[in-house]
Amino acid sequence: MKKVYYLKTCSTCIRILKELNIPADYILQDIKTEPITVAQIEEMQALSGSYEALFSKRAKLYKEMDLKNQDLTERDYKQYILEHYTFLSRPVIINGDAIFIGNSKKTVESAKGNL
């Protein structure tokens, strides 16, 4: 599968998608208008190895809910991501068995070589 989970209203996501020049055979899913399903998050977890790897600790809600002072489990990370799209570290790019999570320079460079 070739898929990108992103946020259409996120300037960083849009910049990265332009920089990567995502091929036409990729499916783009705006996670705000088309929420992530349980099957999709479980597939991402299988590729990444954990729900925590998919979780954004930079989300405004993370700070507002004071989650950094809580002992979160994998189950908690999964539930928070499913409850609110801002908890997914974006973008998430999937190409077959390869997954690229987030917007760090290193991740974007790795994704470039794997599209």
C-alpha atoms as a PDB file:
ATOM      1  CA  MET A   1       0.000   0.000   0.000  1.00  0.00           C
ATOM      2  CA  LYS A   2       1.131   3.533  -0.752  1.00  0.00           C
ATOM      3  CA  LYS A   3      -0.539   6.051   1.505  1.00  0.00           C
ATOM      4  CA  VAL A   4       0.011   9.390   3.200  1.00  0.00           C
ATOM      5  CA  TYR A   5      -1.853  10.447   6.339  1.00  0.00           C
ATOM      6  CA  TYR A   6      -1.637  14.212   6.687  1.00  0.00           C
ATOM      7  CA  LEU A   7      -3.494  17.338   7.695  1.00  0.00           C
ATOM      8  CA  LYS A   8      -4.600  19.593   4.843  1.00  0.00           C
ATOM      9  CA  THR A   9      -4.550  22.620   7.139  1.00  0.00           C
ATOM     10  CA  CYS A  10      -0.984  21.986   8.344  1.00  0.00           C
ATOM     11  CA  SER A  11       1.545  24.103   6.472  1.00  0.00           C
ATOM     12  CA  THR A  12       4.376  21.748   7.466  1.00  0.00           C
ATOM     13  CA  CYS A  13       2.536  18.732   5.995  1.00  0.00           C
ATOM     14  CA  ILE A  14       1.807  20.621   2.774  1.00  0.00           C
ATOM     15  CA  ARG A  15       5.443  21.774   2.479  1.00  0.00           C
ATOM     16  CA  ILE A  16       6.709  18.212   2.971  1.00  0.00           C
ATOM     17  CA  LEU A  17       4.258  16.769   0.431  1.00  0.00           C
ATOM     18  CA  LYS A  18       5.422  19.345  -2.140  1.00  0.00           C
ATOM     19  CA  GLU A  19       9.074  18.682  -1.323  1.00  0.00           C
ATOM     20  CA  LEU A  20       8.601  14.926  -1.705  1.00  0.00           C
ATOM     21  CA  ASN A  21       6.571  15.349  -4.897  1.00  0.00           C
ATOM     22  CA  ILE A  22       4.309  12.449  -3.876  1.00  0.00           C
ATOM     23  CA  PRO A  23       3.622  10.173  -6.892  1.00  0.00           C
ATOM     24  CA  ALA A  24       0.044   9.910  -8.204  1.00  0.00           C
ATOM     25  CA  ASP A  25      -0.285   6.266  -7.123  1.00  0.00           C
ATOM     26  CA  TYR A  26      -0.289   7.292  -3.431  1.00  0.00           C
ATOM     27  CA  ILE A  27      -3.574   7.663  -1.555  1.00  0.00           C
ATOM     28  CA  LEU A  28      -3.729  10.907   0.422  1.00  0.00           C
ATOM     29  CA  GLN A  29      -5.919  10.920   3.528  1.00  0.00           C
ATOM     30  CA  ASP A  30      -6.674  14.182   5.329  1.00  0.00           C
ATOM     31  CA  ILE A  31      -7.079  12.888   8.887  1.00  0.00           C
ATOM     32  CA  LYS A  32      -9.316  15.803   9.909  1.00  0.00           C
ATOM     33  CA  THR A  33     -12.009  15.178   7.287  1.00  0.00           C
ATOM     34  CA  GLU A  34     -11.488  11.400   7.090  1.00  0.00           C
ATOM     35  CA  PRO A  35     -10.628  10.114  10.583  1.00  0.00           C
ATOM     36  CA  ILE A  36      -8.236   7.234  11.077  1.00  0.00           C
ATOM     37  CA  THR A  37      -9.911   3.859  11.568  1.00  0.00           C
ATOM     38  CA  VAL A  38      -8.922   1.194  14.091  1.00  0.00           C
ATOM     39  CA  ALA A  39      -7.645  -0.993  11.216  1.00  0.00           C
ATOM     40  CA  GLN A  40      -5.498   1.867   9.877  1.00  0.00           C
ATOM     41  CA  ILE A  41      -3.906   2.684  13.250  1.00  0.00           C
ATOM     42  CA  GLU A  42      -3.240  -1.028  13.847  1.00  0.00           C
ATOM     43  CA  GLU A  43      -1.551  -1.292  10.441  1.00  0.00           C
ATOM     44  CA  MET A  44       0.622   1.749  11.251  1.00  0.00           C
ATOM     45  CA  GLN A  45       1.504   0.232  14.621  1.00  0.00           C
ATOM     46  CA  ALA A  46       2.500  -3.065  12.995  1.00  0.00           C
ATOM     47  CA  LEU A  47       4.898  -1.184  10.703  1.00  0.00           C
ATOM     48  CA  SER A  48       6.275   1.228  13.305  1.00  0.00           C
ATOM     49  CA  GLY A  49       6.499  -1.170  16.242  1.00  0.00           C
ATOM     50  CA  SER A  50       4.510   0.921  18.727  1.00  0.00           C
ATOM     51  CA  TYR A  51       1.668   3.366  19.129  1.00  0.00           C
ATOM     52  CA  GLU A  52       3.997   5.697  21.012  1.00  0.00           C
ATOM     53  CA  ALA A  53       6.098   6.086  17.827  1.00  0.00           C
ATOM     54  CA  LEU A  54       2.966   7.405  16.090  1.00  0.00           C
ATOM     55  CA  PHE A  55       1.998   9.739  18.930  1.00  0.00           C
ATOM     56  CA  SER A  56       2.780  13.452  18.791  1.00  0.00           C
ATOM     57  CA  LYS A  57       3.968  14.865  22.081  1.00  0.00           C
ATOM     58  CA  ARG A  58       3.999  18.302  20.443  1.00  0.00           C
ATOM     59  CA  ALA A  59       0.199  18.426  20.131  1.00  0.00           C
ATOM     60  CA  LYS A  60      -1.431  21.325  21.934  1.00  0.00           C
ATOM     61  CA  LEU A  61      -3.876  18.920  23.594  1.00  0.00           C
ATOM     62  CA  TYR A  62      -0.943  16.917  25.000  1.00  0.00           C
ATOM     63  CA  LYS A  63       0.098  19.958  27.006  1.00  0.00           C
ATOM     64  CA  GLU A  64      -3.466  21.052  27.834  1.00  0.00           C
ATOM     65  CA  MET A  65      -4.379  17.602  29.169  1.00  0.00           C
ATOM     66  CA  ASP A  66      -1.073  17.413  31.096  1.00  0.00           C
ATOM     67  CA  LEU A  67      -0.366  13.998  29.573  1.00  0.00           C
ATOM     68  CA  LYS A  68       3.403  14.299  30.054  1.00  0.00           C
ATOM     69  CA  ASN A  69       2.849  13.813  33.777  1.00  0.00           C
ATOM     70  CA  GLN A  70       0.823  10.643  33.251  1.00  0.00           C
ATOM     71  CA  ASP A  71       2.149   7.130  32.765  1.00  0.00           C
ATOM     72  CA  LEU A  72       0.699   6.354  29.335  1.00  0.00           C
ATOM     73  CA  THR A  73       0.483   2.805  28.002  1.00  0.00           C
ATOM     74  CA  GLU A  74       0.412   1.637  24.378  1.00  0.00           C
ATOM     75  CA  ARG A  75      -3.343   1.277  24.757  1.00  0.00           C
ATOM     76  CA  ASP A  76      -3.576   4.921  25.905  1.00  0.00           C
ATOM     77  CA  TYR A  77      -1.544   6.164  22.924  1.00  0.00           C
ATOM     78  CA  LYS A  78      -3.784   4.226  20.527  1.00  0.00           C
ATOM     79  CA  GLN A  79      -6.959   5.558  22.171  1.00  0.00           C
ATOM     80  CA  TYR A  80      -5.790   9.183  22.143  1.00  0.00           C
ATOM     81  CA  ILE A  81      -4.811   8.985  18.450  1.00  0.00           C
ATOM     82  CA  LEU A  82      -8.217   7.515  17.587  1.00  0.00           C
ATOM     83  CA  GLU A  83     -10.051  10.120  19.696  1.00  0.00           C
ATOM     84  CA  HIS A  84      -8.352  13.178  18.228  1.00  0.00           C
ATOM     85  CA  TYR A  85      -6.382  13.530  15.012  1.00  0.00           C
ATOM     86  CA  THR A  86      -3.880  16.023  16.479  1.00  0.00           C
ATOM     87  CA  PHE A  87      -2.263  13.212  18.463  1.00  0.00           C
ATOM     88  CA  LEU A  88      -0.965  11.546  15.285  1.00  0.00           C
ATOM     89  CA  SER A  89       2.565  12.641  14.446  1.00  0.00           C
ATOM     90  CA  ARG A  90       2.264  13.933  10.880  1.00  0.00           C
ATOM     91  CA  PRO A  91       2.709  13.197   8.120  1.00  0.00           C
ATOM     92  CA  VAL A  92       2.746   9.397   8.111  1.00  0.00           C
ATOM     93  CA  ILE A  93       3.957   8.009   4.800  1.00  0.00           C
ATOM     94  CA  ILE A  94       3.568   4.315   4.028  1.00  0.00           C
ATOM     95  CA  ASN A  95       5.205   2.604   1.072  1.00  0.00           C
ATOM     96  CA  GLY A  96       4.706  -1.154   1.313  1.00  0.00           C
ATOM     97  CA  ASP A  97       6.537  -2.279   4.457  1.00  0.00           C
ATOM     98  CA  ALA A  98       8.256   1.082   5.002  1.00  0.00           C
ATOM     99  CA  ILE A  99       6.766   3.738   7.260  1.00  0.00           C
ATOM    100  CA  PHE A 100       7.969   7.305   7.785  1.00  0.00           C
ATOM    101  CA  ILE A 101       6.505   9.200  10.726  1.00  0.00           C
ATOM    102  CA  GLY A 102       6.732  12.899  11.409  1.00  0.00           C
ATOM    103  CA  ASN A 103       8.418  15.904   9.914  1.00  0.00           C
ATOM    104  CA  SER A 104      12.057  15.740  10.999  1.00  0.00           C
ATOM    105  CA  LYS A 105      14.634  16.431   8.278  1.00  0.00           C
ATOM    106  CA  LYS A 106      16.028  12.911   8.692  1.00  0.00           C
ATOM    107  CA  THR A 107      12.578  11.330   8.236  1.00  0.00           C
ATOM    108  CA  VAL A 108      11.795  13.442   5.174  1.00  0.00           C
ATOM    109  CA  GLU A 109      15.169  12.568   3.598  1.00  0.00           C
ATOM    110  CA  SER A 110      14.596   8.863   4.263  1.00  0.00           C
ATOM    111  CA  ALA A 111      11.139   9.085   2.733  1.00  0.00           C
ATOM    112  CA  LYS A 112      12.558  10.818  -0.373  1.00  0.00           C
ATOM    113  CA  GLY A 113      14.754   7.831  -1.101  1.00  0.00           C
ATOM    114  CA  ASN A 114      11.884   5.403  -0.661  1.00  0.00           C
ATOM    115  CA  LEU A 115       9.022   6.772  -2.766  1.00  0.00           C
END
